[in-house]
Amino acid sequence: MSFWYNMNGADIGVLRVQLETVDLSANMTLWDYGANVGDVWNPGQVPIIMDSSNYWIVFEMLKGGGDEGDTAIDDITFSEVICGVSPPYADPDSKTTTPRPTTVPVTTPGIKYGCNFDIDWCDFAQSTTDDIQWSRTNLLTPTSSSGPESDHTTGDETGFYVFTEGTYNQRKTAAFTSPTLPASWGGACVDFWYHMWGVHMGTLNVYAEENSTSINLLWTRSGSRARVWYQSRVHYSTLSEFKFVFEGIMGIDLSSDIALDDIYITPGPCPAIHACSFEDADICGYKQDLTDDFDWVWGNGSTTTPYTGPSVDVTLGTDEGHYMYIEASNQNPGTSARLISQRFTPDENTTDICWSFFYHMYGDQMGTLNTWVEGGSIPSWTFTSDGGVADRWYYAEFGVTSQSSYTIAFEGVVGSGSRGDIAIDEVDYKPGPCAFGNGIFIRHINTHNQP
């Protein structure tokens, strides 16, 4: 199979080509690539070797860390010829050392201090009062059972990141600091990507240090997560000079490597994170409605009730990935739970916004899922299942036209019984009207683990 792809933007994600049998007996990645190669079309090619089973070819796009990363595909052709993977570094099983193309250099407006660690430590400095030092690498960490597979910036061996080594350093601490930030800023926002995979994982802390005796803990995470990079943002308000401090505390054994990458600091408060995969416990600042009947739940794997709910998320496609859901057990039919986004302010040149999300409504006692725009009298999108929805994630869009700021809310309404868990994942938005209708099925298949 041959095709053409265009991957342009500083926040480009990963494009994957997958083969999936109709009977769900096989699902494999054939082609995997993620790099900003500029505004040009490039040829792609992948061999398809399959027996008599019927199958789909699935193009899957994993979103990058921001909004500046668009991917397009065109001219898909199937030919009965022998071919290999092109470009060669898109082969998931390849061990080639061929470097990927250099990413297009960009500048990000508003960033005052930032570092992707690809060249050096930039303006960040190692602490002199900790137990061990952070290390910088473009390879795997020495501990095979911990650490990332690549950096966050480039996703391959050309990119660097910093990490703490857990081997022989049990329960020790390592810290580094940002440059001193001026009092005139009135505070700052630090945006960073972190990686914490390993069964003996310790703790990552972020502090604000105004002087040697005034240190404020702003953010902390402990324990192992999936082997992916996670984004977080932290704001600190002050009228004094200060530094951000990143502290890694090793776990009880060697599998506790902590990594950081793409740290950027800007004056003032942090912008809201409206696109959300719900992989972090702060769920992108979404809030529970205090006037509804019960709350949404942050979950992963299967829900507690058999024969309803997902068993994997959309983002990772595994039971380690997270999503939000309503637990229908012990709730009365017709009661509801609402999850409210942070306030969204449209760009002055854009009044139309297309919001998208994935939903999962598997169960024979299912209720209703609504989306609401602040101030609306009817749902902007609604779906009620009659019990015939399959055990898989579906994709939906709804448009909002507004020049004023607003919030959106996801409302789950309980159906006739406990087998009515409703889940959502991968909320996103883009400027302009929606291109598709509501409830379009995408081929992200769940295989539910029934008891």
Protein backbone atom coordinates (compact mmCIF):
# COMPACT_ATOMS: atom_id res chain seq x y z
CA MET A 1 0.00 0.00 0.00
CA SER A 2 1.29 3.48 -0.85
CA PHE A 3 0.06 6.90 0.27
CA TRP A 4 1.19 10.50 0.69
CA TYR A 5 1.40 12.29 4.04
CA ASN A 6 1.93 15.89 5.16
CA MET A 7 3.06 16.46 8.78
CA ASN A 8 3.63 20.12 9.56
CA GLY A 9 3.90 21.97 12.88
CA ALA A 10 5.94 22.24 16.06
CA ASP A 11 3.49 20.07 18.03
CA ILE A 12 3.17 17.26 15.49
CA GLY A 13 2.12 13.90 16.89
CA VAL A 14 2.49 10.35 15.54
CA LEU A 15 0.81 8.90 12.46
CA ARG A 16 0.25 5.15 12.50
CA VAL A 17 -0.98 2.65 9.94
CA GLN A 18 -2.55 -0.42 11.52
CA LEU A 19 -3.98 -3.69 10.26
CA GLU A 20 -7.07 -4.93 12.07
CA THR A 21 -8.95 -8.12 11.26
CA VAL A 22 -12.73 -7.93 11.04
CA ASP A 23 -13.11 -10.73 13.60
CA LEU A 24 -10.80 -8.79 16.01
CA SER A 25 -8.35 -11.70 16.20
CA ALA A 26 -5.39 -9.52 15.19
CA ASN A 27 -4.37 -5.89 15.51
CA MET A 28 -0.86 -4.83 14.49
CA THR A 29 1.01 -1.60 13.75
CA LEU A 30 2.59 -1.64 10.28
CA TRP A 31 3.93 1.92 10.01
CA ASP A 32 4.72 4.46 12.76
CA TYR A 33 6.15 7.92 12.23
CA GLY A 34 6.19 11.28 14.02
CA ALA A 35 8.30 14.25 12.90
CA ASN A 36 7.70 17.79 11.73
CA VAL A 37 8.98 17.68 8.15
CA GLY A 38 7.49 21.01 7.06
CA ASP A 39 4.75 21.90 4.62
CA VAL A 40 5.57 19.29 1.98
CA TRP A 41 3.94 16.06 0.82
CA ASN A 42 6.01 12.91 1.37
CA PRO A 43 5.50 9.38 -0.02
CA GLY A 44 4.79 6.53 2.38
CA GLN A 45 4.75 2.81 1.71
CA VAL A 46 4.00 -0.30 3.73
CA PRO A 47 3.78 -4.03 2.85
CA ILE A 48 0.60 -5.86 3.80
CA ILE A 49 1.02 -9.57 4.33
CA MET A 50 -2.16 -11.31 5.40
CA ASP A 51 -3.84 -14.68 4.92
CA SER A 52 -7.46 -15.10 3.86
CA SER A 53 -8.86 -13.17 6.84
CA ASN A 54 -10.84 -10.03 6.09
CA TYR A 55 -9.23 -6.92 7.49
CA TRP A 56 -9.28 -3.13 7.71
CA ILE A 57 -6.36 -0.78 7.21
CA VAL A 58 -6.60 1.93 9.86
CA PHE A 59 -4.88 5.32 9.79
CA GLU A 60 -4.52 6.55 13.37
CA MET A 61 -3.21 9.96 14.45
CA LEU A 62 -1.92 10.48 18.00
CA LYS A 63 -2.13 14.16 18.93
CA GLY A 64 1.05 15.96 19.92
CA GLY A 65 1.58 18.31 22.84
CA GLY A 66 -0.20 21.36 21.44
CA ASP A 67 -2.32 22.82 18.65
CA GLU A 68 0.44 23.51 16.10
CA GLY A 69 0.61 20.13 14.42
CA ASP A 70 -1.60 19.19 11.45
CA THR A 71 -1.38 15.89 9.58
CA ALA A 72 -2.98 15.08 6.23
CA ILE A 73 -3.03 11.99 4.01
CA ASP A 74 -3.92 11.60 0.33
CA ASP A 75 -3.74 9.26 -2.68
CA ILE A 76 -3.98 5.87 -0.95
CA THR A 77 -3.21 3.07 -3.42
CA PHE A 78 -3.17 -0.73 -3.11
CA SER A 79 -0.94 -2.69 -5.53
CA GLU A 80 -0.11 -6.40 -5.83
CA VAL A 81 3.66 -5.89 -5.68
CA ILE A 82 6.40 -6.67 -3.17
CA CYS A 83 7.55 -3.60 -1.26
CA GLY A 84 9.16 -2.51 1.99
CA VAL A 85 8.44 0.16 4.59
CA SER A 86 9.15 3.70 3.44
CA PRO A 87 10.59 5.80 4.94
CA PRO A 88 12.65 3.07 6.69
CA TYR A 89 12.51 4.77 10.11
CA ALA A 90 8.69 4.35 10.04
CA ASP A 91 9.11 0.58 10.44
CA PRO A 92 8.06 -0.25 14.07
CA ASP A 93 10.35 -3.30 14.07
CA SER A 94 13.31 -1.67 12.37
CA LYS A 95 16.67 -1.50 14.16
CA THR A 96 18.14 0.88 11.57
CA THR A 97 20.20 3.79 12.80
CA THR A 98 19.13 5.99 9.89
CA PRO A 99 18.35 9.37 11.44
CA ARG A 100 14.95 10.91 11.03
CA PRO A 101 14.70 14.27 9.26
CA THR A 102 15.65 17.29 11.31
CA THR A 103 12.56 18.96 12.67
CA VAL A 104 11.75 22.42 11.38
CA PRO A 105 13.00 25.04 13.88
CA VAL A 106 10.26 27.18 15.40
CA THR A 107 9.85 29.85 18.02
CA THR A 108 6.99 29.91 20.50
CA PRO A 109 5.58 33.38 21.27
CA GLY A 110 5.49 34.30 24.96
CA ILE A 111 8.13 31.83 26.17
CA LYS A 112 10.82 33.58 28.25
CA TYR A 113 12.78 30.55 29.41
CA GLY A 114 12.62 27.13 27.88
CA CYS A 115 14.66 24.02 27.24
CA ASN A 116 14.23 20.78 25.29
CA PHE A 117 17.71 19.61 26.43
CA ASP A 118 18.69 18.66 22.87
CA ILE A 119 21.85 20.80 23.00
CA ASP A 120 22.56 21.38 26.70
CA TRP A 121 20.90 22.37 29.98
CA CYS A 122 20.07 25.88 28.67
CA ASP A 123 19.64 28.20 31.67
CA PHE A 124 18.73 25.45 34.14
CA ALA A 125 21.23 24.47 36.85
CA GLN A 126 21.87 21.37 38.97
CA SER A 127 21.33 21.74 42.72
CA THR A 128 24.36 21.54 45.01
CA THR A 129 22.43 20.41 48.10
CA ASP A 130 20.91 17.13 46.84
CA ASP A 131 22.23 13.54 46.92
CA ILE A 132 22.78 12.83 43.22
CA GLN A 133 22.69 14.70 39.91
CA TRP A 134 20.21 14.59 37.05
CA SER A 135 21.66 13.14 33.83
CA ARG A 136 21.05 14.10 30.20
CA THR A 137 20.76 11.48 27.45
CA ASN A 138 19.32 10.68 24.03
CA LEU A 139 19.30 6.92 24.71
CA LEU A 140 17.44 4.58 27.03
CA THR A 141 18.28 4.92 30.72
CA PRO A 142 20.66 2.24 32.12
CA THR A 143 17.76 0.53 33.89
CA SER A 144 15.85 -1.49 31.27
CA SER A 145 12.73 -1.78 33.43
CA SER A 146 12.29 1.97 33.81
CA GLY A 147 12.57 5.24 31.90
CA PRO A 148 11.23 6.45 28.53
CA GLU A 149 11.78 4.86 25.12
CA SER A 150 12.79 8.23 23.63
CA ASP A 151 12.67 11.94 24.37
CA HIS A 152 9.44 13.90 24.07
CA THR A 153 10.57 16.58 21.62
CA THR A 154 11.51 14.42 18.63
CA GLY A 155 10.45 10.94 19.66
CA ASP A 156 13.71 9.38 18.48
CA GLU A 157 17.43 9.11 19.27
CA THR A 158 18.16 12.62 17.94
CA GLY A 159 16.38 14.19 20.91
CA PHE A 160 17.63 14.48 24.50
CA TYR A 161 15.92 14.56 27.89
CA VAL A 162 17.04 14.62 31.54
CA PHE A 163 16.51 11.83 34.04
CA THR A 164 17.34 10.46 37.48
CA GLU A 165 18.94 6.99 37.64
CA GLY A 166 17.33 4.66 40.17
CA THR A 167 20.03 1.96 40.18
CA TYR A 168 22.15 2.12 43.37
CA ASN A 169 20.35 5.35 44.32
CA GLN A 170 17.38 4.08 46.31
CA ARG A 171 15.54 6.86 48.18
CA LYS A 172 18.09 9.49 47.16
CA THR A 173 17.09 12.92 45.83
CA ALA A 174 18.16 14.87 42.77
CA ALA A 175 17.15 18.46 42.01
CA PHE A 176 17.72 21.21 39.45
CA THR A 177 16.46 24.78 39.26
CA SER A 178 15.23 27.27 36.71
CA PRO A 179 16.85 30.67 36.21
CA THR A 180 15.84 33.33 38.74
CA LEU A 181 12.54 34.84 37.58
CA PRO A 182 12.04 38.60 38.12
CA ALA A 183 9.65 40.05 40.69
CA SER A 184 8.16 42.25 37.96
CA TRP A 185 6.52 39.18 36.45
CA GLY A 186 4.23 38.79 39.46
CA GLY A 187 4.58 35.03 39.11
CA ALA A 188 4.92 32.59 36.25
CA CYS A 189 3.64 29.43 34.58
CA VAL A 190 5.90 26.43 33.98
CA ASP A 191 4.81 23.91 31.34
CA PHE A 192 6.67 20.58 31.28
CA TRP A 193 6.52 16.93 30.22
CA TYR A 194 7.35 14.16 32.68
CA HIS A 195 7.83 10.38 32.53
CA MET A 196 7.44 8.03 35.52
CA TRP A 197 7.42 4.37 34.52
CA GLY A 198 8.81 1.65 36.76
CA VAL A 199 7.42 -0.69 39.42
CA HIS A 200 9.51 0.92 42.19
CA MET A 201 8.76 4.48 41.12
CA GLY A 202 9.36 7.28 43.61
CA THR A 203 8.16 10.90 43.62
CA LEU A 204 8.54 13.97 41.41
CA ASN A 205 8.03 17.37 43.08
CA VAL A 206 7.91 20.92 41.74
CA TYR A 207 8.65 23.76 44.16
CA ALA A 208 8.84 27.55 44.09
CA GLU A 209 11.93 28.82 45.94
CA GLU A 210 11.91 32.52 46.85
CA ASN A 211 14.99 32.28 49.04
CA SER A 212 16.85 29.56 50.89
CA THR A 213 14.25 29.49 53.67
CA SER A 214 11.02 29.91 51.66
CA ILE A 215 10.27 26.84 49.56
CA ASN A 216 6.67 26.07 48.51
CA LEU A 217 5.54 22.70 47.16
CA LEU A 218 3.39 23.37 44.08
CA TRP A 219 2.95 19.96 42.46
CA THR A 220 3.74 16.32 43.24
CA ARG A 221 3.29 12.89 41.63
CA SER A 222 4.19 9.47 43.03
CA GLY A 223 4.09 5.92 41.73
CA SER A 224 4.41 4.29 38.33
CA ARG A 225 2.41 5.42 35.33
CA ALA A 226 2.23 4.15 31.75
CA ARG A 227 5.38 4.28 29.60
CA VAL A 228 4.41 7.56 27.93
CA TRP A 229 5.13 11.26 28.42
CA TYR A 230 2.60 13.32 30.40
CA GLN A 231 2.11 17.09 30.25
CA SER A 232 1.50 19.33 33.21
CA ARG A 233 1.39 23.06 34.00
CA VAL A 234 1.99 24.80 37.32
CA HIS A 235 1.44 28.46 38.24
CA TYR A 236 3.03 30.38 41.09
CA SER A 237 2.05 33.93 42.06
CA THR A 238 4.46 36.19 43.97
CA LEU A 239 5.82 39.73 44.12
CA SER A 240 9.34 38.45 44.79
CA GLU A 241 12.08 36.89 42.71
CA PHE A 242 11.91 33.09 42.67
CA LYS A 243 13.00 29.89 40.97
CA PHE A 244 11.15 26.73 40.01
CA VAL A 245 12.78 23.62 41.49
CA PHE A 246 12.34 20.12 40.06
CA GLU A 247 13.07 17.36 42.58
CA GLY A 248 13.16 13.62 41.89
CA ILE A 249 13.08 11.19 44.81
CA MET A 250 14.14 7.65 43.95
CA GLY A 251 11.97 4.69 44.90
CA ILE A 252 12.76 1.62 46.98
CA ASP A 253 14.60 -0.19 44.19
CA LEU A 254 16.23 0.33 40.80
CA SER A 255 13.08 0.57 38.61
CA SER A 256 12.42 4.21 39.49
CA ASP A 257 13.95 6.39 36.74
CA ILE A 258 12.18 9.76 36.47
CA ALA A 259 12.51 11.87 33.29
CA LEU A 260 11.68 15.47 32.27
CA ASP A 261 11.64 17.23 28.90
CA ASP A 262 10.38 20.36 27.15
CA ILE A 263 10.23 22.74 30.10
CA TYR A 264 8.94 26.23 29.24
CA ILE A 265 8.32 29.19 31.54
CA THR A 266 6.16 32.24 30.77
CA PRO A 267 5.09 35.25 32.88
CA GLY A 268 1.64 35.27 34.46
CA PRO A 269 -0.98 32.55 34.92
CA CYS A 270 -1.08 29.31 32.96
CA PRO A 271 -3.44 29.08 30.01
CA ALA A 272 -6.24 26.59 30.45
CA ILE A 273 -5.75 23.12 28.98
CA HIS A 274 -8.93 22.53 27.00
CA ALA A 275 -7.83 19.48 25.03
CA CYS A 276 -7.71 16.62 27.52
CA SER A 277 -6.83 12.92 27.45
CA PHE A 278 -7.52 12.58 31.21
CA GLU A 279 -4.20 10.82 31.73
CA ASP A 280 -3.29 13.07 34.65
CA ALA A 281 -5.13 13.10 37.99
CA ASP A 282 -5.85 16.82 37.72
CA ILE A 283 -8.03 16.01 34.64
CA CYS A 284 -6.99 19.25 32.92
CA GLY A 285 -8.84 21.41 35.43
CA TYR A 286 -12.27 19.94 34.70
CA LYS A 287 -14.59 20.34 37.71
CA GLN A 288 -17.49 18.36 39.12
CA ASP A 289 -20.80 20.23 39.08
CA LEU A 290 -21.83 20.86 42.68
CA THR A 291 -25.54 21.02 41.79
CA ASP A 292 -25.95 17.59 40.18
CA ASP A 293 -26.74 14.23 41.82
CA PHE A 294 -23.34 12.48 41.89
CA ASP A 295 -19.82 12.76 40.40
CA TRP A 296 -17.88 11.50 37.42
CA VAL A 297 -15.05 9.06 38.22
CA TRP A 298 -11.45 9.11 36.95
CA GLY A 299 -10.81 5.52 35.93
CA ASN A 300 -8.71 3.05 33.98
CA GLY A 301 -9.15 -0.57 33.00
CA SER A 302 -12.63 -1.99 33.45
CA THR A 303 -15.32 -0.31 35.50
CA THR A 304 -16.55 -2.10 38.62
CA THR A 305 -19.79 -3.34 37.04
CA PRO A 306 -19.68 -6.36 34.66
CA TYR A 307 -21.07 -6.08 31.12
CA THR A 308 -20.79 -2.31 30.89
CA GLY A 309 -18.12 0.35 30.53
CA PRO A 310 -14.79 0.22 28.66
CA SER A 311 -11.78 -1.94 29.50
CA VAL A 312 -9.17 0.30 27.83
CA ASP A 313 -8.95 4.00 27.08
CA VAL A 314 -8.59 5.78 23.73
CA THR A 315 -5.24 7.51 24.29
CA LEU A 316 -3.10 4.46 25.05
CA GLY A 317 -5.50 1.69 24.07
CA THR A 318 -4.55 -0.24 27.22
CA ASP A 319 -5.87 -0.75 30.75
CA GLU A 320 -3.20 1.69 31.98
CA GLY A 321 -4.80 4.60 30.10
CA HIS A 322 -7.37 6.77 31.86
CA TYR A 323 -10.81 8.13 31.03
CA MET A 324 -13.79 9.67 32.86
CA TYR A 325 -16.99 7.73 33.48
CA ILE A 326 -20.18 7.63 35.50
CA GLU A 327 -20.74 4.57 37.67
CA ALA A 328 -24.42 3.68 37.31
CA SER A 329 -24.46 1.24 40.25
CA ASN A 330 -26.34 2.46 43.33
CA GLN A 331 -27.77 5.43 41.44
CA ASN A 332 -31.46 6.02 40.74
CA PRO A 333 -32.69 6.04 37.12
CA GLY A 334 -32.75 9.55 35.72
CA THR A 335 -30.16 11.00 38.10
CA SER A 336 -27.22 12.76 36.48
CA ALA A 337 -23.58 13.79 36.88
CA ARG A 338 -22.01 16.80 35.11
CA LEU A 339 -18.33 17.45 34.40
CA ILE A 340 -17.48 21.08 33.54
CA SER A 341 -14.50 22.29 31.50
CA GLN A 342 -12.31 25.27 32.24
CA ARG A 343 -13.51 28.53 30.69
CA PHE A 344 -12.78 28.76 26.97
CA THR A 345 -12.19 32.15 25.31
CA PRO A 346 -12.46 32.16 21.50
CA ASP A 347 -9.80 33.89 19.47
CA GLU A 348 -10.91 37.34 18.31
CA ASN A 349 -10.81 36.12 14.70
CA THR A 350 -12.64 32.86 15.36
CA THR A 351 -16.25 32.50 16.46
CA ASP A 352 -16.85 28.90 15.30
CA ILE A 353 -15.24 26.12 17.34
CA CYS A 354 -15.67 22.41 16.69
CA TRP A 355 -15.41 20.33 19.87
CA SER A 356 -14.78 16.59 19.62
CA PHE A 357 -14.64 13.67 22.02
CA PHE A 358 -14.87 9.90 22.26
CA TYR A 359 -17.67 8.19 24.13
CA HIS A 360 -18.34 4.64 25.29
CA MET A 361 -21.93 3.54 26.03
CA TYR A 362 -21.91 -0.25 26.25
CA GLY A 363 -24.59 -1.89 28.42
CA ASP A 364 -28.21 -3.05 28.16
CA GLN A 365 -29.45 -0.58 30.84
CA MET A 366 -27.83 2.48 29.29
CA GLY A 367 -29.00 6.05 29.79
CA THR A 368 -28.15 9.32 28.00
CA LEU A 369 -25.03 11.38 27.37
CA ASN A 370 -25.48 15.12 26.80
CA THR A 371 -23.07 17.96 26.11
CA TRP A 372 -24.06 21.45 27.23
CA VAL A 373 -22.68 24.88 26.42
CA GLU A 374 -22.91 27.37 29.27
CA GLY A 375 -26.20 29.25 29.09
CA GLY A 376 -27.79 26.83 26.61
CA SER A 377 -31.38 25.67 27.06
CA ILE A 378 -30.97 22.42 25.12
CA PRO A 379 -28.00 20.05 24.78
CA SER A 380 -25.57 20.85 21.99
CA TRP A 381 -25.21 17.09 21.46
CA THR A 382 -27.17 14.19 22.90
CA PHE A 383 -27.32 10.43 22.51
CA THR A 384 -29.51 7.84 24.23
CA SER A 385 -28.61 4.19 23.78
CA ASP A 386 -31.21 1.45 23.46
CA GLY A 387 -28.66 -1.16 24.53
CA GLY A 388 -27.51 -1.90 21.01
CA VAL A 389 -24.23 0.04 21.10
CA ALA A 390 -21.17 -2.18 20.79
CA ASP A 391 -18.34 -2.41 23.31
CA ARG A 392 -16.09 0.15 21.62
CA TRP A 393 -15.28 3.84 21.55
CA TYR A 394 -17.19 6.16 19.21
CA TYR A 395 -16.29 9.64 17.99
CA ALA A 396 -18.57 12.68 18.13
CA GLU A 397 -18.39 16.39 17.31
CA PHE A 398 -20.49 19.42 18.16
CA GLY A 399 -20.07 23.03 17.08
CA VAL A 400 -20.22 26.20 19.16
CA THR A 401 -20.60 29.69 17.69
CA SER A 402 -19.78 32.40 20.20
CA GLN A 403 -17.68 35.54 20.58
CA SER A 404 -17.87 35.32 24.39
CA SER A 405 -16.09 32.94 26.73
CA TYR A 406 -17.95 29.85 27.89
CA THR A 407 -17.64 26.45 29.51
CA ILE A 408 -18.84 23.10 28.23
CA ALA A 409 -20.30 20.33 30.37
CA PHE A 410 -20.59 16.58 29.87
CA GLU A 411 -23.73 15.18 31.50
CA GLY A 412 -24.26 11.47 32.07
CA VAL A 413 -27.82 10.43 32.87
CA VAL A 414 -28.38 7.06 34.53
CA GLY A 415 -30.51 4.55 32.64
CA SER A 416 -32.67 1.74 33.96
CA GLY A 417 -30.03 -0.11 35.97
CA SER A 418 -26.42 -0.68 36.96
CA ARG A 419 -25.32 -1.86 33.50
CA GLY A 420 -25.22 1.71 32.22
CA ASP A 421 -21.71 3.10 32.78
CA ILE A 422 -20.99 5.99 30.39
CA ALA A 423 -17.39 7.02 29.61
CA ILE A 424 -15.68 9.86 27.73
CA ASP A 425 -12.08 10.42 26.62
CA GLU A 426 -9.85 12.59 24.38
CA VAL A 427 -11.76 15.87 24.45
CA ASP A 428 -10.37 18.23 21.82
CA TYR A 429 -11.28 21.30 19.77
CA LYS A 430 -10.34 23.10 16.57
CA PRO A 431 -11.32 26.41 14.99
CA GLY A 432 -13.99 26.43 12.33
CA PRO A 433 -17.23 24.52 11.85
CA CYS A 434 -17.38 20.76 12.31
CA ALA A 435 -16.70 18.71 9.21
CA PHE A 436 -18.53 15.56 10.28
CA GLY A 437 -21.80 14.59 11.86
CA ASN A 438 -22.31 13.29 15.38
CA GLY A 439 -21.47 9.78 16.53
CA ILE A 440 -19.11 8.76 13.75
CA PHE A 441 -17.55 5.40 14.51
CA ILE A 442 -13.76 5.15 14.50
CA ARG A 443 -11.90 1.88 14.55
CA HIS A 444 -10.57 1.98 18.07
CA ILE A 445 -11.76 -1.47 19.13
CA ASN A 446 -12.12 -2.55 22.74
CA THR A 447 -11.98 -6.19 23.76
CA HIS A 448 -13.89 -6.12 27.02
CA ASN A 449 -12.66 -8.54 29.68
CA GLN A 450 -15.82 -10.10 31.02
CA PRO A 451 -15.73 -12.13 34.25
